[in-house]
């Protein structure tokens, strides 16, 4: 099984849900718009806070290709692990075979794993700096207290 298959499978579930929402509104998407929507669903799998994601309209995304093979580029505004809203760019190569979309990029799952690892390291480093700053404050307090005694 490919490294990115799980990400693509989760994206397919999200994509199918969104397609149903369009169908309920009697909106039919072109294949290019479907490609853009699927790329957004793939990007949702990589984000820290997917519920906060705001994507541009399909017209604002760059979709190159045809006949089921597309390269989709765009951006998303979403919250990072600290709650700040940031804009991230993305580009995915996706294809539609036998009526099913999939991401053909192996870096998708890798990006998610790297991001998770970096976040874990940042939390560890934040705790270390917090402890060091408290220790520094305590040491500074005692130095100032000792100097006032003279």
C-alpha atoms as a PDB file:
ATOM      1  CA  UNK A   1       0.000   0.000   0.000  1.00  0.00           C
ATOM      2  CA  UNK A   2       1.312   3.439  -0.933  1.00  0.00           C
ATOM      3  CA  UNK A   3       2.402   5.885   1.745  1.00  0.00           C
ATOM      4  CA  UNK A   4      -0.354   8.324   0.783  1.00  0.00           C
ATOM      5  CA  UNK A   5      -3.243   5.891   0.345  1.00  0.00           C
ATOM      6  CA  UNK A   6      -4.723   6.561   3.782  1.00  0.00           C
ATOM      7  CA  UNK A   7      -4.711  10.314   3.169  1.00  0.00           C
ATOM      8  CA  UNK A   8      -6.368   9.789  -0.211  1.00  0.00           C
ATOM      9  CA  UNK A   9      -8.992   7.497   1.338  1.00  0.00           C
ATOM     10  CA  UNK A  10      -9.869  10.062   3.999  1.00  0.00           C
ATOM     11  CA  UNK A  11      -9.979  12.745   1.313  1.00  0.00           C
ATOM     12  CA  UNK A  12     -12.350  10.572  -0.752  1.00  0.00           C
ATOM     13  CA  UNK A  13     -14.781  10.337   2.161  1.00  0.00           C
ATOM     14  CA  UNK A  14     -14.688  14.109   2.652  1.00  0.00           C
ATOM     15  CA  UNK A  15     -15.017  14.656  -1.112  1.00  0.00           C
ATOM     16  CA  UNK A  16     -18.051  12.378  -1.402  1.00  0.00           C
ATOM     17  CA  UNK A  17     -19.740  14.228   1.456  1.00  0.00           C
ATOM     18  CA  UNK A  18     -19.118  17.594  -0.214  1.00  0.00           C
ATOM     19  CA  UNK A  19     -20.346  16.296  -3.608  1.00  0.00           C
ATOM     20  CA  UNK A  20     -23.579  15.205  -1.927  1.00  0.00           C
ATOM     21  CA  UNK A  21     -23.976  18.732  -0.522  1.00  0.00           C
ATOM     22  CA  UNK A  22     -23.586  20.199  -4.036  1.00  0.00           C
ATOM     23  CA  UNK A  23     -26.073  17.683  -5.439  1.00  0.00           C
ATOM     24  CA  UNK A  24     -28.628  18.598  -2.747  1.00  0.00           C
ATOM     25  CA  UNK A  25     -28.338  22.201  -3.985  1.00  0.00           C
ATOM     26  CA  UNK A  26     -28.733  20.994  -7.630  1.00  0.00           C
ATOM     27  CA  UNK A  27     -25.206  22.165  -8.479  1.00  0.00           C
ATOM     28  CA  UNK A  28     -23.229  20.120 -10.977  1.00  0.00           C
ATOM     29  CA  UNK A  29     -19.462  20.562 -10.927  1.00  0.00           C
ATOM     30  CA  UNK A  30     -17.219  20.329 -13.969  1.00  0.00           C
ATOM     31  CA  UNK A  31     -14.348  17.846 -13.830  1.00  0.00           C
ATOM     32  CA  UNK A  32     -11.940  20.752 -13.247  1.00  0.00           C
ATOM     33  CA  UNK A  33     -14.029  21.960 -10.288  1.00  0.00           C
ATOM     34  CA  UNK A  34     -14.175  18.408  -8.942  1.00  0.00           C
ATOM     35  CA  UNK A  35     -10.370  18.276  -9.190  1.00  0.00           C
ATOM     36  CA  UNK A  36     -10.136  21.528  -7.200  1.00  0.00           C
ATOM     37  CA  UNK A  37     -12.601  20.222  -4.610  1.00  0.00           C
ATOM     38  CA  UNK A  38     -10.692  16.955  -4.223  1.00  0.00           C
ATOM     39  CA  UNK A  39      -7.408  18.868  -3.782  1.00  0.00           C
ATOM     40  CA  UNK A  40      -9.076  20.875  -1.017  1.00  0.00           C
ATOM     41  CA  UNK A  41     -10.176  17.617   0.627  1.00  0.00           C
ATOM     42  CA  UNK A  42      -6.608  16.303   0.475  1.00  0.00           C
ATOM     43  CA  UNK A  43      -5.334  19.532   2.034  1.00  0.00           C
ATOM     44  CA  UNK A  44      -7.870  19.179   4.860  1.00  0.00           C
ATOM     45  CA  UNK A  45      -6.132  15.931   5.867  1.00  0.00           C
ATOM     46  CA  UNK A  46      -2.835  17.788   6.398  1.00  0.00           C
ATOM     47  CA  UNK A  47      -4.143  20.763   8.387  1.00  0.00           C
ATOM     48  CA  UNK A  48      -3.913  21.047  12.192  1.00  0.00           C
ATOM     49  CA  UNK A  49      -7.400  22.579  12.458  1.00  0.00           C
ATOM     50  CA  UNK A  50      -9.356  21.489   9.373  1.00  0.00           C
ATOM     51  CA  UNK A  51     -12.617  22.867  10.765  1.00  0.00           C
ATOM     52  CA  UNK A  52     -11.120  26.379  10.601  1.00  0.00           C
ATOM     53  CA  UNK A  53     -10.158  26.059   6.906  1.00  0.00           C
ATOM     54  CA  UNK A  54     -11.352  28.706   4.464  1.00  0.00           C
ATOM     55  CA  UNK A  55     -10.574  27.981   0.809  1.00  0.00           C
ATOM     56  CA  UNK A  56     -10.911  30.390  -2.122  1.00  0.00           C
ATOM     57  CA  UNK A  57     -13.515  29.833  -4.814  1.00  0.00           C
ATOM     58  CA  UNK A  58     -12.669  27.313  -7.522  1.00  0.00           C
ATOM     59  CA  UNK A  59     -12.097  30.243  -9.916  1.00  0.00           C
ATOM     60  CA  UNK A  60      -9.237  31.472  -7.716  1.00  0.00           C
ATOM     61  CA  UNK A  61      -7.454  28.104  -7.821  1.00  0.00           C
ATOM     62  CA  UNK A  62      -5.068  27.081 -10.598  1.00  0.00           C
ATOM     63  CA  UNK A  63      -6.142  23.816 -12.206  1.00  0.00           C
ATOM     64  CA  UNK A  64      -3.928  22.516 -15.010  1.00  0.00           C
ATOM     65  CA  UNK A  65      -4.492  19.337 -16.981  1.00  0.00           C
ATOM     66  CA  UNK A  66      -7.310  17.416 -18.576  1.00  0.00           C
ATOM     67  CA  UNK A  67      -8.752  13.941 -19.050  1.00  0.00           C
ATOM     68  CA  UNK A  68      -8.604  13.015 -15.378  1.00  0.00           C
ATOM     69  CA  UNK A  69      -5.008  14.129 -14.740  1.00  0.00           C
ATOM     70  CA  UNK A  70      -4.683  17.466 -12.974  1.00  0.00           C
ATOM     71  CA  UNK A  71      -2.271  19.598 -11.031  1.00  0.00           C
ATOM     72  CA  UNK A  72      -4.180  21.816  -8.599  1.00  0.00           C
ATOM     73  CA  UNK A  73      -2.669  24.785  -6.765  1.00  0.00           C
ATOM     74  CA  UNK A  74      -4.345  27.014  -4.258  1.00  0.00           C
ATOM     75  CA  UNK A  75      -4.233  28.374  -0.748  1.00  0.00           C
ATOM     76  CA  UNK A  76      -6.114  27.945   2.483  1.00  0.00           C
ATOM     77  CA  UNK A  77      -6.516  30.142   5.529  1.00  0.00           C
ATOM     78  CA  UNK A  78      -6.609  28.014   8.668  1.00  0.00           C
ATOM     79  CA  UNK A  79      -5.497  27.972  12.256  1.00  0.00           C
ATOM     80  CA  UNK A  80      -2.134  26.520  13.195  1.00  0.00           C
ATOM     81  CA  UNK A  81      -1.476  24.579  16.403  1.00  0.00           C
ATOM     82  CA  UNK A  82      -1.259  27.883  18.333  1.00  0.00           C
ATOM     83  CA  UNK A  83      -4.640  29.125  17.120  1.00  0.00           C
ATOM     84  CA  UNK A  84      -3.245  31.794  14.801  1.00  0.00           C
ATOM     85  CA  UNK A  85      -4.802  31.963  11.347  1.00  0.00           C
ATOM     86  CA  UNK A  86      -2.198  31.533   8.637  1.00  0.00           C
ATOM     87  CA  UNK A  87      -2.321  31.225   4.852  1.00  0.00           C
ATOM     88  CA  UNK A  88      -0.737  28.118   3.369  1.00  0.00           C
ATOM     89  CA  UNK A  89      -0.203  27.288  -0.281  1.00  0.00           C
ATOM     90  CA  UNK A  90      -0.612  23.808  -1.691  1.00  0.00           C
ATOM     91  CA  UNK A  91      -0.192  21.960  -4.969  1.00  0.00           C
ATOM     92  CA  UNK A  92      -1.382  18.416  -5.574  1.00  0.00           C
ATOM     93  CA  UNK A  93      -1.244  16.106  -8.536  1.00  0.00           C
ATOM     94  CA  UNK A  94      -4.481  14.197  -8.653  1.00  0.00           C
ATOM     95  CA  UNK A  95      -6.181  11.867 -11.076  1.00  0.00           C
ATOM     96  CA  UNK A  96      -9.578  10.420 -11.725  1.00  0.00           C
ATOM     97  CA  UNK A  97      -9.654   6.760 -12.731  1.00  0.00           C
ATOM     98  CA  UNK A  98     -12.789   4.679 -12.990  1.00  0.00           C
ATOM     99  CA  UNK A  99     -14.798   7.539 -11.497  1.00  0.00           C
ATOM    100  CA  UNK A 100     -12.646   7.797  -8.354  1.00  0.00           C
ATOM    101  CA  UNK A 101     -10.267  10.607  -7.451  1.00  0.00           C
ATOM    102  CA  UNK A 102      -6.918  10.001  -5.796  1.00  0.00           C
ATOM    103  CA  UNK A 103      -3.839  11.995  -4.940  1.00  0.00           C
ATOM    104  CA  UNK A 104      -0.738  10.760  -6.726  1.00  0.00           C
ATOM    105  CA  UNK A 105       1.749  12.674  -4.564  1.00  0.00           C
ATOM    106  CA  UNK A 106       3.748  10.694  -2.035  1.00  0.00           C
ATOM    107  CA  UNK A 107       4.616  13.838  -0.074  1.00  0.00           C
ATOM    108  CA  UNK A 108       1.083  14.371   1.238  1.00  0.00           C
ATOM    109  CA  UNK A 109       1.292  11.865   4.077  1.00  0.00           C
ATOM    110  CA  UNK A 110       4.938  12.739   4.678  1.00  0.00           C
ATOM    111  CA  UNK A 111       4.027  16.398   5.175  1.00  0.00           C
ATOM    112  CA  UNK A 112       1.422  15.395   7.751  1.00  0.00           C
ATOM    113  CA  UNK A 113       3.923  13.221   9.620  1.00  0.00           C
ATOM    114  CA  UNK A 114       6.646  15.894   9.550  1.00  0.00           C
ATOM    115  CA  UNK A 115       4.194  18.542  10.751  1.00  0.00           C
ATOM    116  CA  UNK A 116       3.105  16.306  13.627  1.00  0.00           C
ATOM    117  CA  UNK A 117       6.712  15.594  14.585  1.00  0.00           C
ATOM    118  CA  UNK A 118       7.641  19.302  14.460  1.00  0.00           C
ATOM    119  CA  UNK A 119       4.644  20.194  16.621  1.00  0.00           C
ATOM    120  CA  UNK A 120       5.673  17.567  19.171  1.00  0.00           C
ATOM    121  CA  UNK A 121       9.227  18.952  19.249  1.00  0.00           C
ATOM    122  CA  UNK A 122       7.945  22.515  19.589  1.00  0.00           C
ATOM    123  CA  UNK A 123       5.795  21.564  22.586  1.00  0.00           C
ATOM    124  CA  UNK A 124       8.792  19.873  24.235  1.00  0.00           C
ATOM    125  CA  UNK A 125      10.970  22.913  23.561  1.00  0.00           C
ATOM    126  CA  UNK A 126       8.264  25.273  24.865  1.00  0.00           C
ATOM    127  CA  UNK A 127       8.082  23.368  28.142  1.00  0.00           C
ATOM    128  CA  UNK A 128      11.861  23.419  28.456  1.00  0.00           C
ATOM    129  CA  UNK A 129      11.981  27.197  27.862  1.00  0.00           C
ATOM    130  CA  UNK A 130       9.168  27.714  30.351  1.00  0.00           C
ATOM    131  CA  UNK A 131      11.081  25.761  33.027  1.00  0.00           C
ATOM    132  CA  UNK A 132      14.318  27.619  32.239  1.00  0.00           C
ATOM    133  CA  UNK A 133      12.581  31.007  32.424  1.00  0.00           C
ATOM    134  CA  UNK A 134      11.111  30.163  35.838  1.00  0.00           C
ATOM    135  CA  UNK A 135      14.518  28.984  37.060  1.00  0.00           C
ATOM    136  CA  UNK A 136      16.087  32.201  35.724  1.00  0.00           C
ATOM    137  CA  UNK A 137      13.466  34.302  37.478  1.00  0.00           C
ATOM    138  CA  UNK A 138      14.061  32.508  40.782  1.00  0.00           C
ATOM    139  CA  UNK A 139      17.845  32.864  40.492  1.00  0.00           C
ATOM    140  CA  UNK A 140      17.482  36.564  39.606  1.00  0.00           C
ATOM    141  CA  UNK A 141      15.207  37.068  42.627  1.00  0.00           C
ATOM    142  CA  UNK A 142      17.772  35.545  44.985  1.00  0.00           C
ATOM    143  CA  UNK A 143      20.626  37.556  43.473  1.00  0.00           C
ATOM    144  CA  UNK A 144      18.693  40.807  43.854  1.00  0.00           C
ATOM    145  CA  UNK A 145      17.591  39.858  47.389  1.00  0.00           C
ATOM    146  CA  UNK A 146      21.181  39.063  48.365  1.00  0.00           C
ATOM    147  CA  UNK A 147      22.472  42.336  46.946  1.00  0.00           C
ATOM    148  CA  UNK A 148      19.851  44.318  48.857  1.00  0.00           C
ATOM    149  CA  UNK A 149      21.015  42.770  52.136  1.00  0.00           C
ATOM    150  CA  UNK A 150      24.446  44.437  51.791  1.00  0.00           C
END
